[in-house]
């Protein structure tokens, strides 16, 4: 049986920021116009009910991609298709609003994403009012209480302000607000990075429970590979605005194919690796305003050759993983790296 059509499909998505200095400054410094390629030709799809995770170092374009998916940024080129419909080019404003109701976002900082002057009941009720999902005030109060209970808060918390809660409780409020419009798809942009480790575990457990109960689909963004290991069905690895590896989570953690992915996995605390010498990631992340020619990772890769310095690699299917690496495609990488597979992730 053929796989069903994906719920979300991203096709050759690009977003460039104009970071040119003002005209007078450019004349004095004799500098040309500058564009930052934050997302540079990204394509992937997400099946209904799965968690697709994006991982990479800070500045690789993960959060920009998240904002492109939910429509906070307009793409420079490319398409975001939700249930087969182009989110960037809806037929009308009414259709755009109807589409957006099915996609919601959970932000990294739960305090910054909540209006400090609003009570929780107004914060959670805002999507219900915007999309006219309840008929009257009584139904609105009932639905807000139901949403708070769903994220393991008390209905009485509706009368409080955000500053009266802990970080983990604020993130629960953010999740309740995101669920208010009955979405099918949630973009989770580093939803636990601002929380203590013990609170992170509670929020991740809540998100997995809600996913199964409400049949949700997640685009989950994190730089924490231990969190990705716990949450993801499939993983996309980003570097300087591009996807360089896509694989099932189990396969990626057991047999990483791209040298950059292998270096990322070296950073995971692992009981199996106690006493083993680790290979640190060498070099610095290149300037995104002036990325290197060829493969953008080649200045930091010990397997790079002249082709890597000259020709950008394409994503190719290598034993079930999509990998953008000349060395992997040509068989120049060792089949395994000592300690790249870890049976216990902290």
Protein backbone atom coordinates (compact mmCIF):
# COMPACT_ATOMS: atom_id res chain seq x y z
CA UNK A 1 0.00 0.00 0.00
CA UNK A 2 1.36 3.45 -0.92
CA UNK A 3 2.13 5.90 1.86
CA UNK A 4 -0.67 8.43 2.43
CA UNK A 5 -0.09 12.02 1.33
CA UNK A 6 1.91 13.97 3.93
CA UNK A 7 0.10 16.47 6.12
CA UNK A 8 2.84 19.06 5.55
CA UNK A 9 5.24 19.34 2.63
CA UNK A 10 8.04 21.90 2.33
CA UNK A 11 9.37 22.34 -1.21
CA UNK A 12 12.68 24.11 -1.93
CA UNK A 13 11.96 26.72 0.73
CA UNK A 14 14.21 29.77 0.92
CA UNK A 15 14.24 32.88 3.06
CA UNK A 16 16.87 35.60 2.68
CA UNK A 17 17.23 38.55 5.06
CA UNK A 18 18.47 41.85 3.65
CA UNK A 19 21.18 42.88 6.14
CA UNK A 20 22.63 45.65 3.99
CA UNK A 21 24.05 48.64 5.86
CA UNK A 22 22.43 52.06 5.32
CA UNK A 23 23.50 53.78 2.10
CA UNK A 24 25.83 56.31 3.77
CA UNK A 25 27.59 53.60 5.80
CA UNK A 26 28.02 51.46 2.68
CA UNK A 27 29.58 54.38 0.82
CA UNK A 28 32.00 55.17 3.65
CA UNK A 29 33.00 51.54 4.16
CA UNK A 30 32.76 50.63 0.47
CA UNK A 31 30.74 47.51 1.19
CA UNK A 32 28.22 45.92 -1.20
CA UNK A 33 24.65 44.94 -0.41
CA UNK A 34 24.42 41.85 1.80
CA UNK A 35 21.81 39.09 2.07
CA UNK A 36 21.73 36.42 4.74
CA UNK A 37 20.49 33.06 3.43
CA UNK A 38 18.85 31.87 6.64
CA UNK A 39 16.96 29.05 4.88
CA UNK A 40 18.46 27.98 1.57
CA UNK A 41 16.56 25.34 -0.40
CA UNK A 42 14.99 23.13 2.27
CA UNK A 43 12.60 20.30 1.35
CA UNK A 44 10.95 17.69 3.57
CA UNK A 45 7.54 16.23 4.39
CA UNK A 46 5.77 15.26 7.61
CA UNK A 47 3.25 12.45 7.81
CA UNK A 48 0.09 12.79 9.86
CA UNK A 49 0.61 11.80 13.50
CA UNK A 50 4.41 11.78 13.46
CA UNK A 51 7.04 13.99 15.09
CA UNK A 52 9.61 15.38 12.67
CA UNK A 53 12.50 16.99 14.53
CA UNK A 54 14.99 19.58 13.32
CA UNK A 55 18.36 19.75 15.05
CA UNK A 56 21.49 21.80 14.53
CA UNK A 57 23.73 24.41 16.09
CA UNK A 58 22.45 27.89 16.91
CA UNK A 59 22.13 30.02 13.79
CA UNK A 60 21.55 27.13 11.38
CA UNK A 61 18.06 28.37 10.42
CA UNK A 62 15.78 26.14 12.53
CA UNK A 63 13.69 28.91 14.07
CA UNK A 64 13.45 30.83 10.78
CA UNK A 65 12.13 27.66 9.16
CA UNK A 66 9.56 27.28 11.96
CA UNK A 67 8.30 30.83 11.38
CA UNK A 68 8.08 30.21 7.64
CA UNK A 69 5.93 27.13 8.23
CA UNK A 70 3.39 28.95 10.40
CA UNK A 71 3.36 32.06 8.22
CA UNK A 72 5.16 34.57 10.46
CA UNK A 73 7.64 35.06 7.60
CA UNK A 74 6.90 34.97 3.88
CA UNK A 75 9.31 32.77 1.91
CA UNK A 76 11.66 34.34 -0.62
CA UNK A 77 10.84 31.32 -2.79
CA UNK A 78 9.53 27.79 -2.44
CA UNK A 79 6.27 26.49 -0.99
CA UNK A 80 4.76 25.23 2.26
CA UNK A 81 1.85 22.89 1.51
CA UNK A 82 -0.56 21.96 4.31
CA UNK A 83 -2.99 19.19 3.36
CA UNK A 84 -2.14 19.99 -0.26
CA UNK A 85 -2.85 23.73 -0.01
CA UNK A 86 -0.19 26.42 -0.35
CA UNK A 87 -0.07 28.40 2.90
CA UNK A 88 1.74 31.36 1.33
CA UNK A 89 -0.83 31.80 -1.44
CA UNK A 90 -4.36 31.23 -0.12
CA UNK A 91 -7.40 31.93 -2.27
CA UNK A 92 -8.72 34.58 0.11
CA UNK A 93 -8.22 36.05 3.58
CA UNK A 94 -11.01 33.85 4.90
CA UNK A 95 -9.29 30.74 3.55
CA UNK A 96 -5.98 31.89 5.05
CA UNK A 97 -7.60 32.26 8.48
CA UNK A 98 -9.25 28.86 8.19
CA UNK A 99 -5.93 27.24 7.26
CA UNK A 100 -4.01 28.95 10.08
CA UNK A 101 -6.46 27.59 12.64
CA UNK A 102 -5.07 24.12 11.98
CA UNK A 103 -1.45 25.18 12.57
CA UNK A 104 -0.27 26.58 15.87
CA UNK A 105 3.10 27.30 17.45
CA UNK A 106 4.66 26.81 20.88
CA UNK A 107 7.47 29.29 21.43
CA UNK A 108 10.79 28.91 23.23
CA UNK A 109 10.27 31.45 26.01
CA UNK A 110 6.91 30.86 27.72
CA UNK A 111 6.99 34.19 29.54
CA UNK A 112 7.84 36.35 26.51
CA UNK A 113 5.09 34.66 24.46
CA UNK A 114 2.35 35.45 27.01
CA UNK A 115 0.85 38.92 27.44
CA UNK A 116 1.76 39.87 31.06
CA UNK A 117 -1.29 42.19 31.32
CA UNK A 118 -3.84 39.51 30.47
CA UNK A 119 -5.26 36.92 32.80
CA UNK A 120 -4.82 33.31 31.77
CA UNK A 121 -8.49 32.96 30.80
CA UNK A 122 -8.11 35.74 28.23
CA UNK A 123 -4.82 34.32 26.90
CA UNK A 124 -6.26 30.85 26.38
CA UNK A 125 -9.58 32.19 25.06
CA UNK A 126 -8.03 34.42 22.39
CA UNK A 127 -7.94 31.74 19.62
CA UNK A 128 -11.49 30.69 20.52
CA UNK A 129 -12.72 34.26 19.99
CA UNK A 130 -10.61 34.87 16.88
CA UNK A 131 -11.93 31.77 15.11
CA UNK A 132 -15.43 32.00 16.67
CA UNK A 133 -15.30 28.44 17.97
CA UNK A 134 -17.71 28.87 20.89
CA UNK A 135 -21.25 30.28 20.80
CA UNK A 136 -21.38 32.26 24.06
CA UNK A 137 -19.52 33.34 27.21
CA UNK A 138 -20.59 30.33 29.24
CA UNK A 139 -19.24 27.94 26.60
CA UNK A 140 -16.05 30.02 26.45
CA UNK A 141 -15.44 29.68 30.21
CA UNK A 142 -16.15 25.97 30.04
CA UNK A 143 -13.75 25.43 27.15
CA UNK A 144 -10.96 27.41 28.87
CA UNK A 145 -11.39 25.29 32.01
CA UNK A 146 -11.26 22.13 29.88
CA UNK A 147 -8.07 23.26 28.14
CA UNK A 148 -6.34 24.09 31.43
CA UNK A 149 -7.28 20.69 32.84
CA UNK A 150 -5.95 19.08 29.66
CA UNK A 151 -2.46 20.50 30.35
CA UNK A 152 -2.68 19.51 34.04
CA UNK A 153 -3.48 22.94 35.48
CA UNK A 154 -6.44 23.90 37.66
CA UNK A 155 -9.43 25.72 36.14
CA UNK A 156 -8.99 28.20 39.00
CA UNK A 157 -5.68 29.24 37.44
CA UNK A 158 -7.67 31.06 34.76
CA UNK A 159 -7.94 34.12 37.01
CA UNK A 160 -4.19 34.48 37.54
CA UNK A 161 -1.57 36.42 35.59
CA UNK A 162 1.47 34.82 33.90
CA UNK A 163 3.94 36.16 36.48
CA UNK A 164 2.22 34.09 39.18
CA UNK A 165 3.37 30.82 37.59
CA UNK A 166 6.63 28.92 37.30
CA UNK A 167 8.36 28.45 33.95
CA UNK A 168 6.91 24.99 33.45
CA UNK A 169 3.39 26.18 34.28
CA UNK A 170 3.73 29.07 31.82
CA UNK A 171 4.68 26.62 29.10
CA UNK A 172 1.58 24.58 29.95
CA UNK A 173 -0.47 27.77 29.45
CA UNK A 174 1.21 28.26 26.07
CA UNK A 175 0.31 24.69 25.11
CA UNK A 176 -3.30 25.22 26.24
CA UNK A 177 -3.52 28.34 24.06
CA UNK A 178 -2.05 26.45 21.09
CA UNK A 179 -4.63 23.66 21.53
CA UNK A 180 -7.59 26.05 21.82
CA UNK A 181 -8.27 26.17 18.07
CA UNK A 182 -8.27 22.35 17.75
CA UNK A 183 -5.14 22.28 15.54
CA UNK A 184 -3.85 19.27 13.65
CA UNK A 185 -0.26 20.48 13.48
CA UNK A 186 1.98 22.10 16.11
CA UNK A 187 5.34 23.75 15.50
CA UNK A 188 7.34 23.43 18.73
CA UNK A 189 10.32 25.81 18.68
CA UNK A 190 12.68 24.78 21.51
CA UNK A 191 9.70 24.37 23.87
CA UNK A 192 11.78 23.09 26.81
CA UNK A 193 15.13 24.84 26.42
CA UNK A 194 14.25 27.57 28.95
CA UNK A 195 13.15 25.04 31.60
CA UNK A 196 14.92 23.04 34.30
CA UNK A 197 15.73 19.43 33.41
CA UNK A 198 13.10 17.94 35.73
CA UNK A 199 10.44 20.30 34.34
CA UNK A 200 11.55 19.49 30.78
CA UNK A 201 10.71 15.84 31.37
CA UNK A 202 7.21 16.76 32.58
CA UNK A 203 6.51 18.98 29.56
CA UNK A 204 7.80 16.38 27.10
CA UNK A 205 5.66 13.69 28.74
CA UNK A 206 2.64 16.00 28.50
CA UNK A 207 3.30 16.70 24.82
CA UNK A 208 3.60 13.00 23.98
CA UNK A 209 0.38 12.24 25.88
CA UNK A 210 -1.49 15.02 24.06
CA UNK A 211 -0.14 13.87 20.72
CA UNK A 212 -1.56 10.38 21.16
CA UNK A 213 -4.84 11.59 22.67
CA UNK A 214 -5.53 14.34 20.11
CA UNK A 215 -3.82 12.81 17.05
CA UNK A 216 -1.42 15.75 16.72
CA UNK A 217 1.48 16.13 14.30
CA UNK A 218 4.63 17.92 15.49
CA UNK A 219 7.47 19.80 13.88
CA UNK A 220 9.81 19.73 16.88
CA UNK A 221 12.87 21.98 16.94
CA UNK A 222 15.69 21.59 19.43
CA UNK A 223 19.46 21.71 19.77
CA UNK A 224 19.27 19.09 22.55
CA UNK A 225 19.83 15.66 21.02
CA UNK A 226 18.70 13.88 24.19
CA UNK A 227 15.30 15.59 23.82
CA UNK A 228 15.21 14.76 20.11
CA UNK A 229 15.95 11.10 20.91
CA UNK A 230 12.96 11.01 23.28
CA UNK A 231 10.47 12.82 21.01
CA UNK A 232 11.23 12.25 17.33
CA UNK A 233 10.07 9.68 14.79
CA UNK A 234 12.26 11.22 12.08
CA UNK A 235 15.08 13.76 12.31
CA UNK A 236 16.40 16.41 9.92
CA UNK A 237 19.89 17.81 10.61
CA UNK A 238 20.45 21.44 9.53
CA UNK A 239 23.69 23.26 8.84
CA UNK A 240 23.93 26.85 7.56
CA UNK A 241 20.37 26.94 6.28
CA UNK A 242 20.35 23.54 4.57
CA UNK A 243 19.24 20.04 5.47
CA UNK A 244 22.25 17.74 5.31
CA UNK A 245 20.71 14.51 6.66
CA UNK A 246 17.18 13.14 7.10
CA UNK A 247 16.58 9.74 8.69
CA UNK A 248 14.37 7.78 11.04
CA UNK A 249 15.36 8.68 14.60
CA UNK A 250 16.53 5.18 15.53
CA UNK A 251 18.60 4.87 12.38
CA UNK A 252 20.16 8.31 12.74
CA UNK A 253 21.23 7.73 16.34
CA UNK A 254 22.51 4.21 15.60
CA UNK A 255 24.20 4.83 12.22
CA UNK A 256 24.75 8.56 11.52
CA UNK A 257 25.87 9.04 7.92
CA UNK A 258 26.96 12.69 7.71
CA UNK A 259 30.23 13.74 9.44
CA UNK A 260 28.44 16.70 11.04
CA UNK A 261 25.74 14.42 12.49
CA UNK A 262 28.47 12.20 13.93
CA UNK A 263 30.11 15.20 15.58
CA UNK A 264 26.77 16.29 17.07
CA UNK A 265 26.22 12.82 18.52
CA UNK A 266 29.64 13.02 20.16
CA UNK A 267 28.21 15.72 22.44
CA UNK A 268 25.57 13.45 24.00
CA UNK A 269 26.31 12.25 27.56
CA UNK A 270 26.57 8.46 27.20
CA UNK A 271 27.30 5.81 29.83
CA UNK A 272 28.67 3.48 27.15
CA UNK A 273 31.31 6.08 26.27
CA UNK A 274 32.83 6.55 29.75
CA UNK A 275 36.61 6.65 29.40
CA UNK A 276 36.50 6.85 25.60
CA UNK A 277 38.27 9.71 23.88
CA UNK A 278 35.81 11.88 22.00
CA UNK A 279 36.47 13.67 18.72
CA UNK A 280 35.54 17.35 19.20
CA UNK A 281 34.02 19.39 16.39
CA UNK A 282 36.90 21.31 14.86
CA UNK A 283 36.89 24.83 13.52
CA UNK A 284 34.30 27.58 13.71
CA UNK A 285 30.90 27.83 12.03
CA UNK A 286 31.51 29.82 8.81
CA UNK A 287 30.17 33.34 8.44
CA UNK A 288 26.61 32.87 7.07
CA UNK A 289 26.99 36.13 5.10
CA UNK A 290 29.94 34.60 3.26
CA UNK A 291 29.52 30.81 3.29
CA UNK A 292 32.26 28.64 1.80
CA UNK A 293 31.99 27.31 -1.75
CA UNK A 294 31.02 23.69 -2.27
CA UNK A 295 29.89 21.84 0.83
CA UNK A 296 29.38 24.40 3.60
CA UNK A 297 30.74 21.93 6.18
CA UNK A 298 34.03 21.20 4.39
CA UNK A 299 36.21 23.66 6.41
CA UNK A 300 35.43 21.59 9.54
CA UNK A 301 35.38 18.11 7.96
CA UNK A 302 38.45 15.85 8.10
CA UNK A 303 37.08 13.78 5.21
CA UNK A 304 36.79 16.73 2.76
CA UNK A 305 38.55 16.63 -0.60
CA UNK A 306 38.74 18.92 -3.62
CA UNK A 307 35.26 17.95 -4.81
CA UNK A 308 33.80 18.92 -1.40
CA UNK A 309 35.44 22.35 -1.70
CA UNK A 310 34.08 22.91 -5.19
CA UNK A 311 30.67 21.21 -5.58
CA UNK A 312 27.66 21.51 -3.22
CA UNK A 313 26.31 18.00 -2.44
CA UNK A 314 22.70 17.01 -3.07
CA UNK A 315 20.54 14.95 -0.70
CA UNK A 316 20.88 11.34 -1.84
CA UNK A 317 19.25 8.18 -0.52
CA UNK A 318 21.94 6.07 1.18
CA UNK A 319 20.54 2.93 2.80
CA UNK A 320 17.31 4.64 3.87
CA UNK A 321 18.84 7.94 4.98
CA UNK A 322 18.90 11.11 2.88
CA UNK A 323 22.46 12.47 3.11
CA UNK A 324 24.11 15.48 1.48
CA UNK A 325 27.76 14.41 1.62
CA UNK A 326 30.21 13.53 -1.16
CA UNK A 327 32.33 11.48 1.23
CA UNK A 328 29.35 9.37 2.30
CA UNK A 329 28.15 8.91 -1.29
CA UNK A 330 31.62 7.87 -2.46
CA UNK A 331 32.20 5.49 0.45
CA UNK A 332 35.08 7.53 1.86
CA UNK A 333 33.65 7.54 5.40
CA UNK A 334 34.38 4.65 7.75
CA UNK A 335 31.24 2.47 8.08
CA UNK A 336 31.06 3.16 11.80
CA UNK A 337 32.67 5.59 14.19
CA UNK A 338 33.62 4.29 17.60
CA UNK A 339 30.95 5.36 20.03
CA UNK A 340 28.66 6.93 17.45
CA UNK A 341 25.97 4.52 18.59
CA UNK A 342 24.88 4.99 22.18
CA UNK A 343 22.46 2.68 23.93
CA UNK A 344 21.93 5.00 26.89
CA UNK A 345 21.24 8.68 26.39
CA UNK A 346 21.09 10.93 29.43
